[in-house]
Amino acid sequence: MTSSSTPGLARFDTLADDEAAAVLREVCASAAWGRAILSRRPYATAEDLFSASDTATAALTAPDLAEAMTAHPPIGRPTPGDPTSSREQRGMADASEELRAELLELNLAYQERFGHVFLICATGATGEQMRDAVRSRIGNSPEREREHVRTELGRINRIRLARLLTEDA
């Protein structure tokens, strides 16, 4: 699949740098990640873009990861009026009040332990699966958890980039 047969990729590749940077901030709030993606334009295929995202995510420092996480709301509390966080956390839409309360408690404990929100690729996950993930990860060492965060961020970035490529102009 070449850029010419992928209108979304061709559109992204031809954006002015400042416009592309703004679009990329919607995908991932890390400035370092955005600069890395911009520096490799144009992309021949969507897979080349995804691969560049994976490489950029792997290279993020702890402060870069912290910057990226600032744009992610806690699980169970999508940002009001933000269709992206609502869509990504759709698995919480029908969660019981008990599950919501438990997730709030777990989120607070996680944030106290690690100093940042619990990050998970929530797309397609149920509320119970997200709760179970917090439970299983809260005992991680900070180093191990940072790698989980990096993996989850990479998954989120790929999903958001794919959506970017398929959105109408």
N, C-alpha and C. Protein backbone atom coordinates (compact mmCIF):
# COMPACT_ATOMS: atom_id res chain seq x y z
N MET A 1 0.85 -1.17 0.00
CA MET A 1 0.00 0.00 0.00
C MET A 1 0.89 1.23 0.00
N THR A 2 0.79 2.01 -1.01
CA THR A 2 1.61 3.21 -1.09
C THR A 2 0.83 4.40 -0.59
N SER A 3 1.56 5.45 -0.33
CA SER A 3 0.95 6.69 0.15
C SER A 3 -0.13 7.16 -0.81
N SER A 4 0.10 7.01 -2.11
CA SER A 4 -0.87 7.49 -3.08
C SER A 4 -2.17 6.70 -3.03
N SER A 5 -2.14 5.45 -2.58
CA SER A 5 -3.36 4.66 -2.48
C SER A 5 -3.98 4.77 -1.08
N THR A 6 -3.36 5.55 -0.21
CA THR A 6 -3.87 5.76 1.13
C THR A 6 -4.08 7.26 1.32
N PRO A 7 -5.28 7.75 1.01
CA PRO A 7 -5.51 9.19 1.08
C PRO A 7 -5.17 9.80 2.44
N GLY A 8 -5.48 9.11 3.52
CA GLY A 8 -5.18 9.64 4.85
C GLY A 8 -3.69 9.82 5.08
N LEU A 9 -2.90 8.88 4.59
CA LEU A 9 -1.45 8.98 4.74
C LEU A 9 -0.90 10.10 3.85
N ALA A 10 -1.38 10.18 2.63
CA ALA A 10 -0.95 11.26 1.74
C ALA A 10 -1.30 12.62 2.33
N ARG A 11 -2.49 12.72 2.90
CA ARG A 11 -2.93 13.96 3.54
C ARG A 11 -1.99 14.32 4.70
N PHE A 12 -1.68 13.33 5.56
CA PHE A 12 -0.78 13.56 6.70
C PHE A 12 0.61 13.97 6.21
N ASP A 13 1.11 13.28 5.22
CA ASP A 13 2.46 13.55 4.70
C ASP A 13 2.58 14.96 4.12
N THR A 14 1.49 15.52 3.64
CA THR A 14 1.57 16.83 2.98
C THR A 14 1.16 17.99 3.89
N LEU A 15 0.78 17.71 5.11
CA LEU A 15 0.46 18.80 6.04
C LEU A 15 1.71 19.62 6.32
N ALA A 16 1.53 20.91 6.55
CA ALA A 16 2.64 21.74 7.01
C ALA A 16 3.11 21.20 8.36
N ASP A 17 4.38 21.40 8.67
CA ASP A 17 4.94 20.83 9.91
C ASP A 17 4.14 21.22 11.15
N ASP A 18 3.74 22.48 11.26
CA ASP A 18 3.00 22.90 12.45
C ASP A 18 1.62 22.24 12.52
N GLU A 19 0.98 22.06 11.38
CA GLU A 19 -0.31 21.37 11.35
C GLU A 19 -0.14 19.89 11.71
N ALA A 20 0.89 19.27 11.14
CA ALA A 20 1.15 17.86 11.44
C ALA A 20 1.50 17.68 12.91
N ALA A 21 2.27 18.61 13.47
CA ALA A 21 2.62 18.53 14.90
C ALA A 21 1.37 18.60 15.76
N ALA A 22 0.44 19.48 15.40
CA ALA A 22 -0.81 19.60 16.16
C ALA A 22 -1.62 18.31 16.08
N VAL A 23 -1.68 17.72 14.90
CA VAL A 23 -2.39 16.45 14.72
C VAL A 23 -1.73 15.35 15.56
N LEU A 24 -0.42 15.33 15.55
CA LEU A 24 0.31 14.30 16.30
C LEU A 24 0.14 14.47 17.81
N ARG A 25 0.01 15.71 18.29
CA ARG A 25 -0.23 15.93 19.73
C ARG A 25 -1.55 15.31 20.16
N GLU A 26 -2.50 15.22 19.23
CA GLU A 26 -3.78 14.56 19.53
C GLU A 26 -3.61 13.04 19.64
N VAL A 27 -2.61 12.52 18.97
CA VAL A 27 -2.32 11.09 19.04
C VAL A 27 -1.53 10.78 20.31
N CYS A 28 -0.47 11.56 20.55
CA CYS A 28 0.41 11.34 21.70
C CYS A 28 0.95 12.69 22.15
N ALA A 29 0.81 13.00 23.43
CA ALA A 29 1.19 14.31 23.96
C ALA A 29 2.70 14.48 24.15
N SER A 30 3.48 13.45 23.89
CA SER A 30 4.94 13.57 24.02
C SER A 30 5.51 14.35 22.85
N ALA A 31 6.15 15.48 23.15
CA ALA A 31 6.79 16.29 22.10
C ALA A 31 7.90 15.49 21.42
N ALA A 32 8.66 14.71 22.17
CA ALA A 32 9.74 13.91 21.59
C ALA A 32 9.18 12.90 20.59
N TRP A 33 8.08 12.26 20.93
CA TRP A 33 7.44 11.30 20.02
C TRP A 33 7.01 12.02 18.75
N GLY A 34 6.35 13.16 18.90
CA GLY A 34 5.88 13.91 17.74
C GLY A 34 7.02 14.34 16.83
N ARG A 35 8.11 14.83 17.43
CA ARG A 35 9.27 15.24 16.62
C ARG A 35 9.84 14.05 15.84
N ALA A 36 9.89 12.90 16.49
CA ALA A 36 10.43 11.70 15.82
C ALA A 36 9.56 11.31 14.63
N ILE A 37 8.26 11.39 14.78
CA ILE A 37 7.35 11.03 13.69
C ILE A 37 7.49 12.05 12.54
N LEU A 38 7.51 13.32 12.90
CA LEU A 38 7.65 14.37 11.87
C LEU A 38 8.95 14.23 11.09
N SER A 39 10.01 13.89 11.77
CA SER A 39 11.33 13.86 11.14
C SER A 39 11.46 12.80 10.05
N ARG A 40 10.56 11.84 10.04
CA ARG A 40 10.67 10.74 9.07
C ARG A 40 9.66 10.85 7.93
N ARG A 41 8.89 11.94 7.90
CA ARG A 41 7.95 12.11 6.78
C ARG A 41 8.71 12.35 5.50
N PRO A 42 8.20 11.95 4.36
CA PRO A 42 6.93 11.27 4.14
C PRO A 42 7.07 9.75 4.36
N TYR A 43 5.93 9.14 4.60
CA TYR A 43 5.87 7.70 4.82
C TYR A 43 5.31 7.02 3.58
N ALA A 44 5.96 5.96 3.16
CA ALA A 44 5.51 5.23 1.96
C ALA A 44 4.25 4.42 2.24
N THR A 45 4.15 3.88 3.45
CA THR A 45 3.01 3.05 3.81
C THR A 45 2.57 3.35 5.23
N ALA A 46 1.35 2.96 5.53
CA ALA A 46 0.86 3.08 6.90
C ALA A 46 1.74 2.27 7.85
N GLU A 47 2.17 1.11 7.40
CA GLU A 47 3.03 0.28 8.27
C GLU A 47 4.34 0.98 8.59
N ASP A 48 4.87 1.75 7.63
CA ASP A 48 6.08 2.54 7.91
C ASP A 48 5.82 3.56 9.01
N LEU A 49 4.65 4.18 8.97
CA LEU A 49 4.28 5.14 10.01
C LEU A 49 4.13 4.43 11.36
N PHE A 50 3.48 3.29 11.38
CA PHE A 50 3.32 2.54 12.63
C PHE A 50 4.67 2.10 13.18
N SER A 51 5.54 1.67 12.31
CA SER A 51 6.88 1.26 12.73
C SER A 51 7.65 2.44 13.31
N ALA A 52 7.54 3.60 12.69
CA ALA A 52 8.19 4.80 13.22
C ALA A 52 7.62 5.14 14.59
N SER A 53 6.32 4.96 14.76
CA SER A 53 5.70 5.21 16.06
C SER A 53 6.25 4.26 17.11
N ASP A 54 6.35 2.98 16.76
CA ASP A 54 6.90 1.99 17.70
C ASP A 54 8.32 2.36 18.11
N THR A 55 9.13 2.76 17.13
CA THR A 55 10.52 3.14 17.41
C THR A 55 10.57 4.38 18.30
N ALA A 56 9.74 5.36 17.99
CA ALA A 56 9.71 6.59 18.79
C ALA A 56 9.23 6.31 20.21
N THR A 57 8.23 5.45 20.35
CA THR A 57 7.72 5.10 21.68
C THR A 57 8.79 4.37 22.49
N ALA A 58 9.51 3.47 21.85
CA ALA A 58 10.57 2.73 22.54
C ALA A 58 11.68 3.66 23.02
N ALA A 59 11.89 4.77 22.34
CA ALA A 59 12.97 5.69 22.68
C ALA A 59 12.58 6.73 23.74
N LEU A 60 11.32 6.77 24.14
CA LEU A 60 10.89 7.78 25.11
C LEU A 60 11.58 7.59 26.45
N THR A 61 12.04 8.68 27.01
CA THR A 61 12.61 8.67 28.36
C THR A 61 11.48 8.68 29.38
N ALA A 62 11.82 8.52 30.64
CA ALA A 62 10.80 8.57 31.69
C ALA A 62 10.06 9.92 31.67
N PRO A 63 10.75 11.06 31.54
CA PRO A 63 10.01 12.33 31.45
C PRO A 63 9.13 12.41 30.20
N ASP A 64 9.58 11.84 29.08
CA ASP A 64 8.76 11.82 27.86
C ASP A 64 7.49 11.00 28.08
N LEU A 65 7.62 9.85 28.75
CA LEU A 65 6.45 9.03 29.06
C LEU A 65 5.50 9.80 29.96
N ALA A 66 6.04 10.49 30.95
CA ALA A 66 5.20 11.28 31.86
C ALA A 66 4.44 12.35 31.07
N GLU A 67 5.13 12.99 30.13
CA GLU A 67 4.48 14.00 29.31
C GLU A 67 3.35 13.37 28.48
N ALA A 68 3.59 12.21 27.92
CA ALA A 68 2.58 11.52 27.12
C ALA A 68 1.35 11.19 27.96
N MET A 69 1.56 10.80 29.20
CA MET A 69 0.44 10.38 30.05
C MET A 69 -0.42 11.54 30.52
N THR A 70 0.09 12.77 30.42
CA THR A 70 -0.70 13.91 30.88
C THR A 70 -2.00 14.06 30.09
N ALA A 71 -2.05 13.53 28.89
CA ALA A 71 -3.24 13.67 28.05
C ALA A 71 -4.23 12.52 28.23
N HIS A 72 -3.92 11.58 29.10
CA HIS A 72 -4.78 10.41 29.29
C HIS A 72 -5.57 10.54 30.58
N PRO A 73 -6.90 10.55 30.48
CA PRO A 73 -7.72 10.63 31.70
C PRO A 73 -7.72 9.28 32.42
N PRO A 74 -8.03 9.29 33.72
CA PRO A 74 -8.12 8.03 34.45
C PRO A 74 -9.18 7.11 33.85
N ILE A 75 -8.93 5.82 33.94
CA ILE A 75 -9.91 4.84 33.48
C ILE A 75 -11.20 5.03 34.28
N GLY A 76 -12.31 5.05 33.56
CA GLY A 76 -13.60 5.24 34.20
C GLY A 76 -14.03 6.69 34.26
N ARG A 77 -13.11 7.59 33.88
CA ARG A 77 -13.45 9.02 33.90
C ARG A 77 -12.95 9.68 32.62
N PRO A 78 -13.57 9.33 31.47
CA PRO A 78 -13.14 9.97 30.22
C PRO A 78 -13.33 11.48 30.31
N THR A 79 -12.51 12.20 29.58
CA THR A 79 -12.60 13.65 29.56
C THR A 79 -13.94 14.08 28.98
N PRO A 80 -14.74 14.87 29.73
CA PRO A 80 -16.04 15.31 29.22
C PRO A 80 -15.89 16.05 27.88
N GLY A 81 -16.73 15.68 26.94
CA GLY A 81 -16.71 16.32 25.63
C GLY A 81 -15.62 15.84 24.70
N ASP A 82 -14.79 14.90 25.15
CA ASP A 82 -13.70 14.39 24.31
C ASP A 82 -14.12 13.05 23.71
N PRO A 83 -14.46 13.04 22.40
CA PRO A 83 -14.93 11.79 21.80
C PRO A 83 -13.86 10.69 21.79
N THR A 84 -12.58 11.07 21.77
CA THR A 84 -11.53 10.05 21.76
C THR A 84 -11.51 9.27 23.06
N SER A 85 -11.47 9.97 24.20
CA SER A 85 -11.41 9.24 25.47
C SER A 85 -12.71 8.48 25.71
N SER A 86 -13.85 9.04 25.30
CA SER A 86 -15.11 8.32 25.45
C SER A 86 -15.13 7.05 24.61
N ARG A 87 -14.66 7.16 23.36
CA ARG A 87 -14.61 6.00 22.47
C ARG A 87 -13.67 4.94 23.03
N GLU A 88 -12.49 5.37 23.47
CA GLU A 88 -11.50 4.42 23.95
C GLU A 88 -11.92 3.74 25.25
N GLN A 89 -12.72 4.42 26.05
CA GLN A 89 -13.16 3.85 27.32
C GLN A 89 -14.60 3.33 27.25
N ARG A 90 -15.05 3.02 26.07
CA ARG A 90 -16.42 2.56 25.86
C ARG A 90 -16.76 1.37 26.76
N GLY A 91 -15.78 0.56 27.09
CA GLY A 91 -16.01 -0.60 27.94
C GLY A 91 -16.51 -0.25 29.33
N MET A 92 -16.38 1.01 29.72
CA MET A 92 -16.87 1.46 31.03
C MET A 92 -18.29 2.02 30.96
N ALA A 93 -18.83 2.16 29.76
CA ALA A 93 -20.13 2.83 29.59
C ALA A 93 -21.23 2.17 30.41
N ASP A 94 -21.25 0.86 30.49
CA ASP A 94 -22.31 0.16 31.20
C ASP A 94 -21.84 -0.42 32.53
N ALA A 95 -20.70 0.05 33.03
CA ALA A 95 -20.17 -0.47 34.29
C ALA A 95 -21.08 -0.11 35.45
N SER A 96 -21.18 -1.03 36.37
CA SER A 96 -21.99 -0.79 37.56
C SER A 96 -21.34 0.29 38.44
N GLU A 97 -22.13 0.84 39.32
CA GLU A 97 -21.59 1.84 40.26
C GLU A 97 -20.52 1.20 41.14
N GLU A 98 -20.70 -0.06 41.47
CA GLU A 98 -19.70 -0.76 42.30
C GLU A 98 -18.37 -0.86 41.56
N LEU A 99 -18.43 -1.21 40.28
CA LEU A 99 -17.21 -1.32 39.49
C LEU A 99 -16.56 0.05 39.33
N ARG A 100 -17.35 1.07 39.08
CA ARG A 100 -16.82 2.43 38.95
C ARG A 100 -16.12 2.86 40.25
N ALA A 101 -16.76 2.57 41.37
CA ALA A 101 -16.18 2.94 42.68
C ALA A 101 -14.88 2.18 42.92
N GLU A 102 -14.87 0.90 42.57
CA GLU A 102 -13.66 0.09 42.75
C GLU A 102 -12.54 0.61 41.86
N LEU A 103 -12.86 0.93 40.62
CA LEU A 103 -11.84 1.47 39.71
C LEU A 103 -11.30 2.81 40.20
N LEU A 104 -12.17 3.64 40.74
CA LEU A 104 -11.71 4.92 41.29
C LEU A 104 -10.72 4.68 42.42
N GLU A 105 -11.05 3.77 43.31
CA GLU A 105 -10.16 3.44 44.43
C GLU A 105 -8.83 2.87 43.93
N LEU A 106 -8.90 1.96 42.97
CA LEU A 106 -7.69 1.38 42.42
C LEU A 106 -6.85 2.42 41.67
N ASN A 107 -7.52 3.29 40.90
CA ASN A 107 -6.80 4.36 40.20
C ASN A 107 -6.05 5.25 41.18
N LEU A 108 -6.71 5.62 42.27
CA LEU A 108 -6.07 6.48 43.27
C LEU A 108 -4.87 5.77 43.92
N ALA A 109 -5.03 4.50 44.24
CA ALA A 109 -3.92 3.74 44.83
C ALA A 109 -2.76 3.62 43.84
N TYR A 110 -3.10 3.35 42.59
CA TYR A 110 -2.07 3.24 41.55
C TYR A 110 -1.34 4.57 41.40
N GLN A 111 -2.08 5.66 41.32
CA GLN A 111 -1.48 6.97 41.14
C GLN A 111 -0.60 7.34 42.33
N GLU A 112 -1.03 6.97 43.51
CA GLU A 112 -0.20 7.23 44.69
C GLU A 112 1.10 6.43 44.63
N ARG A 113 1.02 5.20 44.17
CA ARG A 113 2.21 4.33 44.10
C ARG A 113 3.18 4.78 43.01
N PHE A 114 2.64 5.12 41.82
CA PHE A 114 3.52 5.38 40.67
C PHE A 114 3.63 6.85 40.28
N GLY A 115 2.75 7.70 40.79
CA GLY A 115 2.83 9.12 40.50
C GLY A 115 2.22 9.54 39.18
N HIS A 116 1.45 8.66 38.57
CA HIS A 116 0.77 8.99 37.31
C HIS A 116 -0.46 8.11 37.15
N VAL A 117 -1.31 8.49 36.18
CA VAL A 117 -2.52 7.71 35.95
C VAL A 117 -2.17 6.31 35.46
N PHE A 118 -3.08 5.40 35.71
CA PHE A 118 -2.96 4.04 35.18
C PHE A 118 -3.24 4.11 33.69
N LEU A 119 -2.29 3.67 32.89
CA LEU A 119 -2.44 3.71 31.44
C LEU A 119 -2.62 2.31 30.90
N ILE A 120 -3.70 2.15 30.14
CA ILE A 120 -3.98 0.88 29.48
C ILE A 120 -4.65 1.19 28.15
N CYS A 121 -4.39 0.38 27.18
CA CYS A 121 -5.11 0.50 25.91
C CYS A 121 -6.50 -0.06 26.17
N ALA A 122 -7.45 0.85 26.42
CA ALA A 122 -8.79 0.45 26.84
C ALA A 122 -9.69 0.07 25.67
N THR A 123 -9.27 0.34 24.45
CA THR A 123 -10.10 0.04 23.29
C THR A 123 -10.42 -1.46 23.27
N GLY A 124 -11.71 -1.75 23.30
CA GLY A 124 -12.16 -3.14 23.24
C GLY A 124 -12.15 -3.87 24.57
N ALA A 125 -11.67 -3.24 25.64
CA ALA A 125 -11.62 -3.89 26.95
C ALA A 125 -12.88 -3.59 27.75
N THR A 126 -13.31 -4.55 28.52
CA THR A 126 -14.45 -4.34 29.42
C THR A 126 -13.97 -3.65 30.69
N GLY A 127 -14.90 -3.13 31.43
CA GLY A 127 -14.57 -2.53 32.72
C GLY A 127 -13.89 -3.53 33.64
N GLU A 128 -14.36 -4.74 33.62
CA GLU A 128 -13.77 -5.78 34.47
C GLU A 128 -12.33 -6.09 34.06
N GLN A 129 -12.09 -6.12 32.74
CA GLN A 129 -10.72 -6.37 32.27
C GLN A 129 -9.78 -5.23 32.68
N MET A 130 -10.27 -4.00 32.61
CA MET A 130 -9.44 -2.86 33.02
C MET A 130 -9.17 -2.92 34.52
N ARG A 131 -10.20 -3.25 35.30
CA ARG A 131 -10.02 -3.38 36.75
C ARG A 131 -8.99 -4.47 37.06
N ASP A 132 -9.12 -5.60 36.39
CA ASP A 132 -8.19 -6.70 36.64
C ASP A 132 -6.76 -6.32 36.26
N ALA A 133 -6.62 -5.51 35.22
CA ALA A 133 -5.28 -5.06 34.81
C ALA A 133 -4.66 -4.15 35.88
N VAL A 134 -5.45 -3.24 36.44
CA VAL A 134 -4.92 -2.39 37.51
C VAL A 134 -4.50 -3.27 38.68
N ARG A 135 -5.35 -4.20 39.06
CA ARG A 135 -5.04 -5.10 40.17
C ARG A 135 -3.73 -5.85 39.94
N SER A 136 -3.55 -6.34 38.72
CA SER A 136 -2.35 -7.15 38.46
C SER A 136 -1.09 -6.31 38.34
N ARG A 137 -1.22 -5.05 37.92
CA ARG A 137 -0.03 -4.22 37.70
C ARG A 137 0.37 -3.36 38.90
N ILE A 138 -0.51 -3.17 39.85
CA ILE A 138 -0.22 -2.26 40.95
C ILE A 138 0.95 -2.76 41.81
N GLY A 139 1.22 -4.04 41.78
CA GLY A 139 2.33 -4.60 42.54
C GLY A 139 3.66 -4.58 41.81
N ASN A 140 3.67 -4.11 40.57
CA ASN A 140 4.91 -4.07 39.78
C ASN A 140 5.93 -3.11 40.39
N SER A 141 7.18 -3.36 40.08
CA SER A 141 8.22 -2.39 40.41
C SER A 141 8.02 -1.19 39.49
N PRO A 142 8.51 -0.01 39.88
CA PRO A 142 8.38 1.15 38.99
C PRO A 142 8.99 0.90 37.61
N GLU A 143 10.11 0.21 37.55
CA GLU A 143 10.76 -0.06 36.26
C GLU A 143 9.90 -0.96 35.38
N ARG A 144 9.37 -2.02 35.98
CA ARG A 144 8.53 -2.93 35.21
C ARG A 144 7.24 -2.23 34.75
N GLU A 145 6.68 -1.41 35.64
CA GLU A 145 5.45 -0.71 35.29
C GLU A 145 5.70 0.30 34.17
N ARG A 146 6.85 0.96 34.19
CA ARG A 146 7.18 1.90 33.12
C ARG A 146 7.19 1.19 31.77
N GLU A 147 7.67 -0.05 31.73
CA GLU A 147 7.66 -0.81 30.47
C GLU A 147 6.24 -1.21 30.07
N HIS A 148 5.40 -1.52 31.05
CA HIS A 148 3.98 -1.78 30.72
C HIS A 148 3.35 -0.53 30.14
N VAL A 149 3.62 0.61 30.76
CA VAL A 149 3.08 1.88 30.27
C VAL A 149 3.54 2.13 28.84
N ARG A 150 4.82 1.89 28.58
CA ARG A 150 5.37 2.10 27.24
C ARG A 150 4.65 1.20 26.22
N THR A 151 4.44 -0.06 26.58
CA THR A 151 3.74 -0.99 25.69
C THR A 151 2.32 -0.54 25.42
N GLU A 152 1.61 -0.15 26.48
CA GLU A 152 0.23 0.30 26.33
C GLU A 152 0.17 1.58 25.50
N LEU A 153 1.08 2.51 25.75
CA LEU A 153 1.12 3.75 24.98
C LEU A 153 1.35 3.45 23.49
N GLY A 154 2.24 2.51 23.21
CA GLY A 154 2.48 2.12 21.82
C GLY A 154 1.23 1.59 21.15
N ARG A 155 0.47 0.78 21.88
CA ARG A 155 -0.78 0.24 21.33
C ARG A 155 -1.79 1.36 21.07
N ILE A 156 -1.90 2.28 22.03
CA ILE A 156 -2.82 3.42 21.88
C ILE A 156 -2.41 4.27 20.68
N ASN A 157 -1.12 4.56 20.58
CA ASN A 157 -0.64 5.39 19.47
C ASN A 157 -0.95 4.75 18.12
N ARG A 158 -0.76 3.45 18.00
CA ARG A 158 -1.06 2.76 16.74
C ARG A 158 -2.55 2.88 16.39
N ILE A 159 -3.41 2.68 17.36
CA ILE A 159 -4.86 2.77 17.12
C ILE A 159 -5.23 4.19 16.70
N ARG A 160 -4.67 5.16 17.39
CA ARG A 160 -4.98 6.55 17.06
C ARG A 160 -4.42 6.94 15.69
N LEU A 161 -3.24 6.47 15.36
CA LEU A 161 -2.69 6.76 14.03
C LEU A 161 -3.55 6.12 12.94
N ALA A 162 -3.97 4.88 13.16
CA ALA A 162 -4.82 4.20 12.17
C ALA A 162 -6.11 4.97 11.97
N ARG A 163 -6.67 5.47 13.05
CA ARG A 163 -7.90 6.26 12.96
C ARG A 163 -7.62 7.56 12.19
N LEU A 164 -6.49 8.19 12.47
CA LEU A 164 -6.10 9.41 11.77
C LEU A 164 -6.04 9.18 10.26
N LEU A 165 -5.53 8.04 9.87
CA LEU A 165 -5.38 7.73 8.45
C LEU A 165 -6.70 7.42 7.75
N THR A 166 -7.71 7.06 8.54
CA THR A 166 -9.00 6.70 7.93
C THR A 166 -10.05 7.79 8.09
N GLU A 167 -9.75 8.84 8.87
CA GLU A 167 -10.72 9.92 9.04
C GLU A 167 -10.90 10.69 7.74
N ASP A 168 -12.09 11.21 7.60
CA ASP A 168 -12.35 12.08 6.44
C ASP A 168 -11.54 13.35 6.55
N ALA A 169 -11.17 13.91 5.44
CA ALA A 169 -10.40 15.15 5.43
C ALA A 169 -11.17 16.27 6.09
